[in-house]
Amino acid sequence: MSDPTPPSTTDLSGKVAVVTGSGRGLGLAYATALARAGAAVVVNDVDAGIAGQAVRSLTDAGGRAVAEVVAVGTTEAADRLVARAVQEFGRLDIMVTNAGILRDRVLWKMTDDDFDSVVTTHLRGTFTCARAAAVRMREQGEGGRLILIGSPAGQRGNFGQTNYAAAKAGIGAMVRTWSMELGRAGITVNAVVPVAATAMTETIPAFAPYVEALHRGEPLPEFLRKGEGFGSPEDCAALLPFLASDAARDVTGQCIGIGGDKLALWSHPQEVSVAYADGGWTPEGIAATWQHSVGSAPQTVGIPAPKAPVTR
């Protein structure tokens, strides 16, 4: 008798993934989810000890994994990651660009190095790794998946994060551009916009107490898990096997949020209000019409702070 259970559309057996910055936190959660779905994983971190621990956690659970210790950003680092995947597992199907650092400071205190180091890791690292992966995937001729990691800061801005927000906003633009360029090759490109208790969100005062509570083993309240879409790194991980699988073969060019109990699709930037003037606009004409036409409902900025429901 045949098995009535249909094969899983999110089975990644035979697939090979590189996950940058996957020694701990969200990156490790992503790597773990991909390994559990059947993919072989190249773990990446700048710390050899942390990378080794991550590999052991995956292999002890029955997965296949190796470590490549290198700082993401340069072309050489990207080429090493792709070459390691091919050397160890014979191919590359999935590139997850997760590696990142923070150097938070307000604009007038941010140094060139603060800006350059964050942009190099997040934005240039995403570019170099995605480019190296795209070259390999196109050579293989069997499609592939580029899964870029964004942030709400890149969608809305965040106080003290000029460098990080700019890099993450750039990643959203890369998603839209590369989805067009790589579509004919069967390579999908999407961004994950996670919201989770990590070392990065610990730096946001509104979230810090909840991150600390989670570290103590305390469950997060429902208003956070549902209303804010805020949870553990593991809560964000299910999106990775989905986007890497055949179930998402037609999903591309999207920025998809996940966290806690919430899954969401972010909109692309678009015009929300327009006005016209015959023959074009003058400064005086704009001033006269702004508040009651185009500027009547200005867009908000920043990541809204979590607000506990009022109890009576």
C-alpha atoms as a PDB file:
ATOM      1  CA  MET A   1       0.000   0.000   0.000  1.00  0.00           C
ATOM      2  CA  SER A   2       1.357   3.410  -0.885  1.00  0.00           C
ATOM      3  CA  ASP A   3       2.026   5.973   1.818  1.00  0.00           C
ATOM      4  CA  PRO A   4      -0.950   8.388   1.874  1.00  0.00           C
ATOM      5  CA  THR A   5       1.224  11.161   3.307  1.00  0.00           C
ATOM      6  CA  PRO A   6       2.399  13.466   0.514  1.00  0.00           C
ATOM      7  CA  PRO A   7       6.075  14.400   0.471  1.00  0.00           C
ATOM      8  CA  SER A   8       6.927  17.611   2.322  1.00  0.00           C
ATOM      9  CA  THR A   9       7.223  20.639   0.072  1.00  0.00           C
ATOM     10  CA  THR A  10       9.737  22.114   2.534  1.00  0.00           C
ATOM     11  CA  ASP A  11      12.102  19.120   2.522  1.00  0.00           C
ATOM     12  CA  LEU A  12      15.634  20.356   1.814  1.00  0.00           C
ATOM     13  CA  SER A  13      17.357  16.978   1.528  1.00  0.00           C
ATOM     14  CA  GLY A  14      20.257  17.237  -0.918  1.00  0.00           C
ATOM     15  CA  LYS A  15      20.407  21.040  -0.675  1.00  0.00           C
ATOM     16  CA  VAL A  16      23.433  22.956   0.579  1.00  0.00           C
ATOM     17  CA  ALA A  17      23.294  26.265   2.460  1.00  0.00           C
ATOM     18  CA  VAL A  18      25.751  28.889   3.635  1.00  0.00           C
ATOM     19  CA  VAL A  19      24.583  30.947   6.623  1.00  0.00           C
ATOM     20  CA  THR A  20      26.825  33.882   7.479  1.00  0.00           C
ATOM     21  CA  GLY A  21      27.093  34.951  11.098  1.00  0.00           C
ATOM     22  CA  SER A  22      25.586  31.661  12.253  1.00  0.00           C
ATOM     23  CA  GLY A  23      27.641  30.881  15.331  1.00  0.00           C
ATOM     24  CA  ARG A  24      24.948  32.085  17.696  1.00  0.00           C
ATOM     25  CA  GLY A  25      21.674  33.999  17.977  1.00  0.00           C
ATOM     26  CA  LEU A  26      19.446  34.332  14.945  1.00  0.00           C
ATOM     27  CA  GLY A  27      22.093  32.944  12.606  1.00  0.00           C
ATOM     28  CA  LEU A  28      22.388  29.726  14.587  1.00  0.00           C
ATOM     29  CA  ALA A  29      18.590  29.432  14.715  1.00  0.00           C
ATOM     30  CA  TYR A  30      18.477  29.793  10.910  1.00  0.00           C
ATOM     31  CA  ALA A  31      21.231  27.220  10.405  1.00  0.00           C
ATOM     32  CA  THR A  32      19.531  24.795  12.791  1.00  0.00           C
ATOM     33  CA  ALA A  33      16.178  25.104  11.013  1.00  0.00           C
ATOM     34  CA  LEU A  34      17.785  24.511   7.606  1.00  0.00           C
ATOM     35  CA  ALA A  35      19.703  21.483   8.906  1.00  0.00           C
ATOM     36  CA  ARG A  36      16.564  20.019  10.447  1.00  0.00           C
ATOM     37  CA  ALA A  37      14.858  20.366   7.061  1.00  0.00           C
ATOM     38  CA  GLY A  38      17.644  18.289   5.519  1.00  0.00           C
ATOM     39  CA  ALA A  39      20.117  20.836   4.173  1.00  0.00           C
ATOM     40  CA  ALA A  40      23.871  20.589   4.676  1.00  0.00           C
ATOM     41  CA  VAL A  41      25.121  23.836   6.202  1.00  0.00           C
ATOM     42  CA  VAL A  42      28.318  25.856   6.110  1.00  0.00           C
ATOM     43  CA  VAL A  43      28.383  27.697   9.432  1.00  0.00           C
ATOM     44  CA  ASN A  44      30.227  31.017   9.461  1.00  0.00           C
ATOM     45  CA  ASP A  45      31.550  33.087  12.343  1.00  0.00           C
ATOM     46  CA  VAL A  46      34.629  35.167  13.138  1.00  0.00           C
ATOM     47  CA  ASP A  47      35.205  33.147  16.331  1.00  0.00           C
ATOM     48  CA  ALA A  48      36.509  29.635  15.655  1.00  0.00           C
ATOM     49  CA  GLY A  49      35.354  28.335  19.036  1.00  0.00           C
ATOM     50  CA  ILE A  50      31.807  29.626  18.592  1.00  0.00           C
ATOM     51  CA  ALA A  51      31.657  28.296  15.017  1.00  0.00           C
ATOM     52  CA  GLY A  52      32.865  24.887  16.204  1.00  0.00           C
ATOM     53  CA  GLN A  53      30.227  24.738  18.924  1.00  0.00           C
ATOM     54  CA  ALA A  54      27.536  25.599  16.380  1.00  0.00           C
ATOM     55  CA  VAL A  55      28.714  22.837  14.037  1.00  0.00           C
ATOM     56  CA  ARG A  56      28.686  20.321  16.883  1.00  0.00           C
ATOM     57  CA  SER A  57      25.147  21.301  17.835  1.00  0.00           C
ATOM     58  CA  LEU A  58      24.009  20.628  14.263  1.00  0.00           C
ATOM     59  CA  THR A  59      25.922  17.371  13.764  1.00  0.00           C
ATOM     60  CA  ASP A  60      24.972  16.030  17.209  1.00  0.00           C
ATOM     61  CA  ALA A  61      21.341  16.431  16.120  1.00  0.00           C
ATOM     62  CA  GLY A  62      21.999  14.388  12.972  1.00  0.00           C
ATOM     63  CA  GLY A  63      22.701  17.224  10.568  1.00  0.00           C
ATOM     64  CA  ARG A  64      25.602  17.832   8.212  1.00  0.00           C
ATOM     65  CA  ALA A  65      27.679  20.934   8.855  1.00  0.00           C
ATOM     66  CA  VAL A  66      31.160  22.430   8.623  1.00  0.00           C
ATOM     67  CA  ALA A  67      32.588  25.744   9.785  1.00  0.00           C
ATOM     68  CA  GLU A  68      34.287  28.456   7.767  1.00  0.00           C
ATOM     69  CA  VAL A  69      35.835  31.077  10.027  1.00  0.00           C
ATOM     70  CA  VAL A  70      36.115  34.403   8.225  1.00  0.00           C
ATOM     71  CA  ALA A  71      34.888  37.977   8.622  1.00  0.00           C
ATOM     72  CA  VAL A  72      32.215  38.716   6.033  1.00  0.00           C
ATOM     73  CA  GLY A  73      32.581  41.776   3.821  1.00  0.00           C
ATOM     74  CA  THR A  74      35.314  41.163   1.283  1.00  0.00           C
ATOM     75  CA  THR A  75      35.110  39.356  -2.022  1.00  0.00           C
ATOM     76  CA  GLU A  76      37.749  36.934  -0.753  1.00  0.00           C
ATOM     77  CA  ALA A  77      35.593  35.982   2.251  1.00  0.00           C
ATOM     78  CA  ALA A  78      32.539  35.423   0.047  1.00  0.00           C
ATOM     79  CA  ASP A  79      34.519  33.273  -2.370  1.00  0.00           C
ATOM     80  CA  ARG A  80      35.851  31.203   0.538  1.00  0.00           C
ATOM     81  CA  LEU A  81      32.343  30.516   1.827  1.00  0.00           C
ATOM     82  CA  VAL A  82      31.040  29.401  -1.561  1.00  0.00           C
ATOM     83  CA  ALA A  83      34.150  27.330  -2.252  1.00  0.00           C
ATOM     84  CA  ARG A  84      33.820  25.590   1.124  1.00  0.00           C
ATOM     85  CA  ALA A  85      30.231  24.608   0.360  1.00  0.00           C
ATOM     86  CA  VAL A  86      31.243  23.167  -3.015  1.00  0.00           C
ATOM     87  CA  GLN A  87      34.343  21.450  -1.623  1.00  0.00           C
ATOM     88  CA  GLU A  88      32.506  19.782   1.268  1.00  0.00           C
ATOM     89  CA  PHE A  89      29.074  19.127  -0.213  1.00  0.00           C
ATOM     90  CA  GLY A  90      29.444  19.470  -3.975  1.00  0.00           C
ATOM     91  CA  ARG A  91      27.152  22.411  -4.643  1.00  0.00           C
ATOM     92  CA  LEU A  92      25.425  25.534  -3.285  1.00  0.00           C
ATOM     93  CA  ASP A  93      21.669  26.085  -3.269  1.00  0.00           C
ATOM     94  CA  ILE A  94      20.965  28.571  -0.470  1.00  0.00           C
ATOM     95  CA  MET A  95      22.843  31.670   0.660  1.00  0.00           C
ATOM     96  CA  VAL A  96      21.660  33.333   3.884  1.00  0.00           C
ATOM     97  CA  THR A  97      23.355  36.691   4.547  1.00  0.00           C
ATOM     98  CA  ASN A  98      22.937  37.164   8.278  1.00  0.00           C
ATOM     99  CA  ALA A  99      26.317  38.392   9.545  1.00  0.00           C
ATOM    100  CA  GLY A 100      26.203  41.765  11.242  1.00  0.00           C
ATOM    101  CA  ILE A 101      27.590  44.087  13.887  1.00  0.00           C
ATOM    102  CA  LEU A 102      26.350  47.193  15.670  1.00  0.00           C
ATOM    103  CA  ARG A 103      28.074  50.513  16.318  1.00  0.00           C
ATOM    104  CA  ASP A 104      25.199  52.622  17.609  1.00  0.00           C
ATOM    105  CA  ARG A 105      25.671  56.380  17.994  1.00  0.00           C
ATOM    106  CA  VAL A 106      23.663  59.471  17.147  1.00  0.00           C
ATOM    107  CA  LEU A 107      24.659  61.226  13.936  1.00  0.00           C
ATOM    108  CA  TRP A 108      26.871  63.928  15.453  1.00  0.00           C
ATOM    109  CA  LYS A 109      28.868  61.356  17.427  1.00  0.00           C
ATOM    110  CA  MET A 110      29.161  58.640  14.782  1.00  0.00           C
ATOM    111  CA  THR A 111      32.694  58.230  13.465  1.00  0.00           C
ATOM    112  CA  ASP A 112      33.755  57.206   9.975  1.00  0.00           C
ATOM    113  CA  ASP A 113      34.824  53.842  11.378  1.00  0.00           C
ATOM    114  CA  ASP A 114      31.465  53.356  13.116  1.00  0.00           C
ATOM    115  CA  PHE A 115      29.730  53.908   9.797  1.00  0.00           C
ATOM    116  CA  ASP A 116      32.128  52.026   7.556  1.00  0.00           C
ATOM    117  CA  SER A 117      32.435  48.892   9.711  1.00  0.00           C
ATOM    118  CA  VAL A 118      28.673  48.362   9.931  1.00  0.00           C
ATOM    119  CA  VAL A 119      28.072  49.075   6.247  1.00  0.00           C
ATOM    120  CA  THR A 120      30.977  46.809   5.282  1.00  0.00           C
ATOM    121  CA  THR A 121      29.626  43.852   7.237  1.00  0.00           C
ATOM    122  CA  HIS A 122      25.898  44.248   6.564  1.00  0.00           C
ATOM    123  CA  LEU A 123      25.640  45.843   3.134  1.00  0.00           C
ATOM    124  CA  ARG A 124      28.901  45.018   1.397  1.00  0.00           C
ATOM    125  CA  GLY A 125      28.928  41.581   3.016  1.00  0.00           C
ATOM    126  CA  THR A 126      25.449  40.918   1.661  1.00  0.00           C
ATOM    127  CA  PHE A 127      26.508  42.109  -1.793  1.00  0.00           C
ATOM    128  CA  THR A 128      29.722  40.076  -1.989  1.00  0.00           C
ATOM    129  CA  CYS A 129      28.189  36.884  -0.617  1.00  0.00           C
ATOM    130  CA  ALA A 130      25.089  37.147  -2.807  1.00  0.00           C
ATOM    131  CA  ARG A 131      27.211  37.855  -5.880  1.00  0.00           C
ATOM    132  CA  ALA A 132      29.474  34.855  -5.251  1.00  0.00           C
ATOM    133  CA  ALA A 133      26.444  32.649  -4.635  1.00  0.00           C
ATOM    134  CA  ALA A 134      24.658  33.902  -7.762  1.00  0.00           C
ATOM    135  CA  VAL A 135      27.690  33.127  -9.911  1.00  0.00           C
ATOM    136  CA  ARG A 136      27.824  29.559  -8.589  1.00  0.00           C
ATOM    137  CA  MET A 137      24.057  29.007  -8.815  1.00  0.00           C
ATOM    138  CA  ARG A 138      23.955  30.240 -12.401  1.00  0.00           C
ATOM    139  CA  GLU A 139      26.820  27.896 -13.275  1.00  0.00           C
ATOM    140  CA  GLN A 140      24.914  24.979 -11.753  1.00  0.00           C
ATOM    141  CA  GLY A 141      21.856  25.935 -13.798  1.00  0.00           C
ATOM    142  CA  GLU A 142      19.337  24.625 -11.267  1.00  0.00           C
ATOM    143  CA  GLY A 143      18.149  27.821  -9.618  1.00  0.00           C
ATOM    144  CA  GLY A 144      18.763  28.755  -6.019  1.00  0.00           C
ATOM    145  CA  ARG A 145      17.756  30.880  -3.072  1.00  0.00           C
ATOM    146  CA  LEU A 146      19.222  34.146  -1.806  1.00  0.00           C
ATOM    147  CA  ILE A 147      17.773  34.904   1.621  1.00  0.00           C
ATOM    148  CA  LEU A 148      18.929  38.278   2.895  1.00  0.00           C
ATOM    149  CA  ILE A 149      18.386  39.366   6.483  1.00  0.00           C
ATOM    150  CA  GLY A 150      16.814  42.786   6.909  1.00  0.00           C
ATOM    151  CA  SER A 151      15.505  44.644   9.953  1.00  0.00           C
ATOM    152  CA  PRO A 152      12.598  46.851  11.002  1.00  0.00           C
ATOM    153  CA  ALA A 153      15.269  49.547  11.371  1.00  0.00           C
ATOM    154  CA  GLY A 154      15.819  49.377   7.625  1.00  0.00           C
ATOM    155  CA  GLN A 155      12.103  49.650   6.985  1.00  0.00           C
ATOM    156  CA  ARG A 156      11.352  52.500   9.404  1.00  0.00           C
ATOM    157  CA  GLY A 157      14.627  53.900  10.745  1.00  0.00           C
ATOM    158  CA  ASN A 158      15.788  53.721  14.370  1.00  0.00           C
ATOM    159  CA  PHE A 159      17.285  56.306  16.704  1.00  0.00           C
ATOM    160  CA  GLY A 160      21.060  56.019  16.938  1.00  0.00           C
ATOM    161  CA  GLN A 161      21.373  53.581  14.049  1.00  0.00           C
ATOM    162  CA  THR A 162      22.292  55.663  10.983  1.00  0.00           C
ATOM    163  CA  ASN A 163      24.741  53.009   9.787  1.00  0.00           C
ATOM    164  CA  TYR A 164      22.643  49.929  10.555  1.00  0.00           C
ATOM    165  CA  ALA A 165      19.356  51.369   9.268  1.00  0.00           C
ATOM    166  CA  ALA A 166      21.000  52.576   6.049  1.00  0.00           C
ATOM    167  CA  ALA A 167      22.566  49.168   5.432  1.00  0.00           C
ATOM    168  CA  LYS A 168      19.322  47.300   6.079  1.00  0.00           C
ATOM    169  CA  ALA A 169      17.352  49.683   3.870  1.00  0.00           C
ATOM    170  CA  GLY A 170      19.899  49.015   1.136  1.00  0.00           C
ATOM    171  CA  ILE A 171      19.342  45.286   1.549  1.00  0.00           C
ATOM    172  CA  GLY A 172      15.637  45.797   0.850  1.00  0.00           C
ATOM    173  CA  ALA A 173      16.548  47.601  -2.371  1.00  0.00           C
ATOM    174  CA  MET A 174      18.926  44.792  -3.317  1.00  0.00           C
ATOM    175  CA  VAL A 175      16.110  42.260  -2.868  1.00  0.00           C
ATOM    176  CA  ARG A 176      13.889  44.062  -5.327  1.00  0.00           C
ATOM    177  CA  THR A 177      16.703  44.601  -7.847  1.00  0.00           C
ATOM    178  CA  TRP A 178      18.176  41.098  -7.708  1.00  0.00           C
ATOM    179  CA  SER A 179      14.775  39.417  -7.896  1.00  0.00           C
ATOM    180  CA  MET A 180      14.437  40.957 -11.358  1.00  0.00           C
ATOM    181  CA  GLU A 181      18.002  40.230 -12.447  1.00  0.00           C
ATOM    182  CA  LEU A 182      18.066  36.596 -11.295  1.00  0.00           C
ATOM    183  CA  GLY A 183      14.508  35.537 -12.072  1.00  0.00           C
ATOM    184  CA  ARG A 184      15.362  34.006 -15.436  1.00  0.00           C
ATOM    185  CA  ALA A 185      17.968  31.794 -13.724  1.00  0.00           C
ATOM    186  CA  GLY A 186      15.364  30.438 -11.306  1.00  0.00           C
ATOM    187  CA  ILE A 187      17.014  32.136  -8.332  1.00  0.00           C
ATOM    188  CA  THR A 188      14.613  33.734  -5.872  1.00  0.00           C
ATOM    189  CA  VAL A 189      15.652  36.651  -3.672  1.00  0.00           C
ATOM    190  CA  ASN A 190      13.831  37.624  -0.490  1.00  0.00           C
ATOM    191  CA  ALA A 191      14.520  39.423   2.773  1.00  0.00           C
ATOM    192  CA  VAL A 192      13.605  38.170   6.216  1.00  0.00           C
ATOM    193  CA  VAL A 193      12.754  40.984   8.634  1.00  0.00           C
ATOM    194  CA  PRO A 194      13.074  39.327  12.059  1.00  0.00           C
ATOM    195  CA  VAL A 195      12.020  40.681  15.440  1.00  0.00           C
ATOM    196  CA  ALA A 196      13.568  38.656  18.251  1.00  0.00           C
ATOM    197  CA  ALA A 197      15.282  38.757  21.601  1.00  0.00           C
ATOM    198  CA  THR A 198      18.931  39.031  20.622  1.00  0.00           C
ATOM    199  CA  ALA A 199      22.053  40.915  21.654  1.00  0.00           C
ATOM    200  CA  MET A 200      20.979  43.597  19.185  1.00  0.00           C
ATOM    201  CA  THR A 201      17.464  44.096  20.580  1.00  0.00           C
ATOM    202  CA  GLU A 202      18.877  44.136  24.107  1.00  0.00           C
ATOM    203  CA  THR A 203      20.277  47.551  23.200  1.00  0.00           C
ATOM    204  CA  ILE A 204      16.757  48.932  22.618  1.00  0.00           C
ATOM    205  CA  PRO A 205      15.522  50.148  26.041  1.00  0.00           C
ATOM    206  CA  ALA A 206      11.856  49.302  25.385  1.00  0.00           C
ATOM    207  CA  PHE A 207      12.712  45.655  24.664  1.00  0.00           C
ATOM    208  CA  ALA A 208      15.571  45.133  27.135  1.00  0.00           C
ATOM    209  CA  PRO A 209      13.456  44.033  30.149  1.00  0.00           C
ATOM    210  CA  TYR A 210      11.642  41.431  28.055  1.00  0.00           C
ATOM    211  CA  VAL A 211      14.891  40.083  26.603  1.00  0.00           C
ATOM    212  CA  GLU A 212      16.262  39.734  30.133  1.00  0.00           C
ATOM    213  CA  ALA A 213      13.074  37.932  31.220  1.00  0.00           C
ATOM    214  CA  LEU A 214      13.372  35.527  28.307  1.00  0.00           C
ATOM    215  CA  HIS A 215      16.960  34.766  29.303  1.00  0.00           C
ATOM    216  CA  ARG A 216      15.618  33.855  32.753  1.00  0.00           C
ATOM    217  CA  GLY A 217      13.283  31.330  31.145  1.00  0.00           C
ATOM    218  CA  GLU A 218      10.144  33.428  31.557  1.00  0.00           C
ATOM    219  CA  PRO A 219       7.579  33.324  28.718  1.00  0.00           C
ATOM    220  CA  LEU A 220       6.897  36.484  26.772  1.00  0.00           C
ATOM    221  CA  PRO A 221       3.425  38.024  27.212  1.00  0.00           C
ATOM    222  CA  GLU A 222       0.908  37.588  24.408  1.00  0.00           C
ATOM    223  CA  PHE A 223       0.791  41.311  23.610  1.00  0.00           C
ATOM    224  CA  LEU A 224       4.467  41.039  22.663  1.00  0.00           C
ATOM    225  CA  ARG A 225       4.277  37.738  20.781  1.00  0.00           C
ATOM    226  CA  LYS A 226       1.216  38.758  18.768  1.00  0.00           C
ATOM    227  CA  GLY A 227       0.896  42.534  18.883  1.00  0.00           C
ATOM    228  CA  GLU A 228       4.601  43.291  18.464  1.00  0.00           C
ATOM    229  CA  GLY A 229       5.597  40.031  16.780  1.00  0.00           C
ATOM    230  CA  PHE A 230       8.461  39.697  19.267  1.00  0.00           C
ATOM    231  CA  GLY A 231       9.838  36.357  20.407  1.00  0.00           C
ATOM    232  CA  SER A 232      12.916  34.169  20.543  1.00  0.00           C
ATOM    233  CA  PRO A 233      15.380  33.643  17.660  1.00  0.00           C
ATOM    234  CA  GLU A 234      13.848  30.194  17.147  1.00  0.00           C
ATOM    235  CA  ASP A 235      10.462  31.827  16.491  1.00  0.00           C
ATOM    236  CA  CYS A 236      11.957  33.479  13.387  1.00  0.00           C
ATOM    237  CA  ALA A 237      13.617  30.351  12.012  1.00  0.00           C
ATOM    238  CA  ALA A 238      10.660  28.617  10.316  1.00  0.00           C
ATOM    239  CA  LEU A 239      10.655  31.198   7.538  1.00  0.00           C
ATOM    240  CA  LEU A 240      14.092  30.094   6.328  1.00  0.00           C
ATOM    241  CA  PRO A 241      13.249  26.488   5.312  1.00  0.00           C
ATOM    242  CA  PHE A 242      10.064  27.751   3.689  1.00  0.00           C
ATOM    243  CA  LEU A 243      11.846  30.349   1.557  1.00  0.00           C
ATOM    244  CA  ALA A 244      14.569  27.832   0.707  1.00  0.00           C
ATOM    245  CA  SER A 245      12.090  25.188  -0.418  1.00  0.00           C
ATOM    246  CA  ASP A 246      10.014  24.351  -3.475  1.00  0.00           C
ATOM    247  CA  ALA A 247       6.971  25.667  -1.611  1.00  0.00           C
ATOM    248  CA  ALA A 248       8.365  29.192  -2.149  1.00  0.00           C
ATOM    249  CA  ARG A 249       9.516  28.749  -5.751  1.00  0.00           C
ATOM    250  CA  ASP A 250       7.287  31.655  -6.836  1.00  0.00           C
ATOM    251  CA  VAL A 251       8.044  33.931  -3.870  1.00  0.00           C
ATOM    252  CA  THR A 252      10.642  36.530  -4.817  1.00  0.00           C
ATOM    253  CA  GLY A 253      11.362  40.230  -4.357  1.00  0.00           C
ATOM    254  CA  GLN A 254       9.626  40.309  -0.976  1.00  0.00           C
ATOM    255  CA  CYS A 255      10.477  41.607   2.504  1.00  0.00           C
ATOM    256  CA  ILE A 256       8.804  39.260   4.973  1.00  0.00           C
ATOM    257  CA  GLY A 257       8.559  39.920   8.696  1.00  0.00           C
ATOM    258  CA  ILE A 258       8.479  37.220  11.341  1.00  0.00           C
ATOM    259  CA  GLY A 259       8.703  37.138  15.115  1.00  0.00           C
ATOM    260  CA  GLY A 260       6.839  35.679  18.062  1.00  0.00           C
ATOM    261  CA  ASP A 261       3.464  34.492  16.720  1.00  0.00           C
ATOM    262  CA  LYS A 262       3.404  36.979  13.823  1.00  0.00           C
ATOM    263  CA  LEU A 263       4.129  36.594  10.103  1.00  0.00           C
ATOM    264  CA  ALA A 264       3.839  39.707   7.933  1.00  0.00           C
ATOM    265  CA  LEU A 265       4.535  41.066   4.471  1.00  0.00           C
ATOM    266  CA  TRP A 266       6.166  44.494   4.376  1.00  0.00           C
ATOM    267  CA  SER A 267       5.081  46.900   1.649  1.00  0.00           C
ATOM    268  CA  HIS A 268       7.497  48.325  -0.872  1.00  0.00           C
ATOM    269  CA  PRO A 269       8.001  52.101  -0.740  1.00  0.00           C
ATOM    270  CA  GLN A 270       5.270  53.724  -2.768  1.00  0.00           C
ATOM    271  CA  GLU A 271       3.505  57.032  -3.270  1.00  0.00           C
ATOM    272  CA  VAL A 272       0.744  57.473  -0.700  1.00  0.00           C
ATOM    273  CA  SER A 273      -0.520  60.927  -1.636  1.00  0.00           C
ATOM    274  CA  VAL A 274      -0.207  63.081  -4.769  1.00  0.00           C
ATOM    275  CA  ALA A 275      -1.246  66.511  -6.005  1.00  0.00           C
ATOM    276  CA  TYR A 276      -0.946  68.221  -9.364  1.00  0.00           C
ATOM    277  CA  ALA A 277      -0.408  71.769 -10.581  1.00  0.00           C
ATOM    278  CA  ASP A 278      -0.913  72.744 -14.208  1.00  0.00           C
ATOM    279  CA  GLY A 279       2.423  73.791 -15.664  1.00  0.00           C
ATOM    280  CA  GLY A 280       4.398  72.546 -12.642  1.00  0.00           C
ATOM    281  CA  TRP A 281       4.987  73.638  -9.072  1.00  0.00           C
ATOM    282  CA  THR A 282       6.395  76.801  -7.508  1.00  0.00           C
ATOM    283  CA  PRO A 283       7.705  76.955  -3.915  1.00  0.00           C
ATOM    284  CA  GLU A 284       4.757  79.178  -3.004  1.00  0.00           C
ATOM    285  CA  GLY A 285       2.312  76.746  -4.595  1.00  0.00           C
ATOM    286  CA  ILE A 286       3.730  73.846  -2.604  1.00  0.00           C
ATOM    287  CA  ALA A 287       3.569  75.872   0.622  1.00  0.00           C
ATOM    288  CA  ALA A 288      -0.043  76.809  -0.047  1.00  0.00           C
ATOM    289  CA  THR A 289      -1.234  73.257  -0.671  1.00  0.00           C
ATOM    290  CA  TRP A 290       1.072  71.106   1.453  1.00  0.00           C
ATOM    291  CA  GLN A 291      -0.858  70.841   4.734  1.00  0.00           C
ATOM    292  CA  HIS A 292      -4.243  70.098   3.188  1.00  0.00           C
ATOM    293  CA  SER A 293      -3.107  67.808   0.365  1.00  0.00           C
ATOM    294  CA  VAL A 294       0.118  65.814   0.042  1.00  0.00           C
ATOM    295  CA  GLY A 295       1.361  66.629   3.554  1.00  0.00           C
ATOM    296  CA  SER A 296      -1.944  66.129   5.374  1.00  0.00           C
ATOM    297  CA  ALA A 297      -0.978  62.673   6.694  1.00  0.00           C
ATOM    298  CA  PRO A 298       2.824  62.500   7.068  1.00  0.00           C
ATOM    299  CA  GLN A 299       4.440  59.091   7.404  1.00  0.00           C
ATOM    300  CA  THR A 300       5.634  57.973  10.819  1.00  0.00           C
ATOM    301  CA  VAL A 301       9.214  56.986  11.552  1.00  0.00           C
ATOM    302  CA  GLY A 302      10.994  54.705  13.996  1.00  0.00           C
ATOM    303  CA  ILE A 303      10.231  51.342  15.563  1.00  0.00           C
ATOM    304  CA  PRO A 304       7.205  51.747  17.865  1.00  0.00           C
ATOM    305  CA  ALA A 305       7.989  50.884  21.482  1.00  0.00           C
ATOM    306  CA  PRO A 306       6.017  47.951  22.889  1.00  0.00           C
ATOM    307  CA  LYS A 307       3.068  48.975  25.008  1.00  0.00           C
ATOM    308  CA  ALA A 308       1.542  46.637  27.534  1.00  0.00           C
ATOM    309  CA  PRO A 309      -2.261  46.511  27.408  1.00  0.00           C
ATOM    310  CA  VAL A 310      -3.998  48.614  30.035  1.00  0.00           C
ATOM    311  CA  THR A 311      -5.631  46.429  32.691  1.00  0.00           C
ATOM    312  CA  ARG A 312      -8.636  47.632  34.649  1.00  0.00           C
END
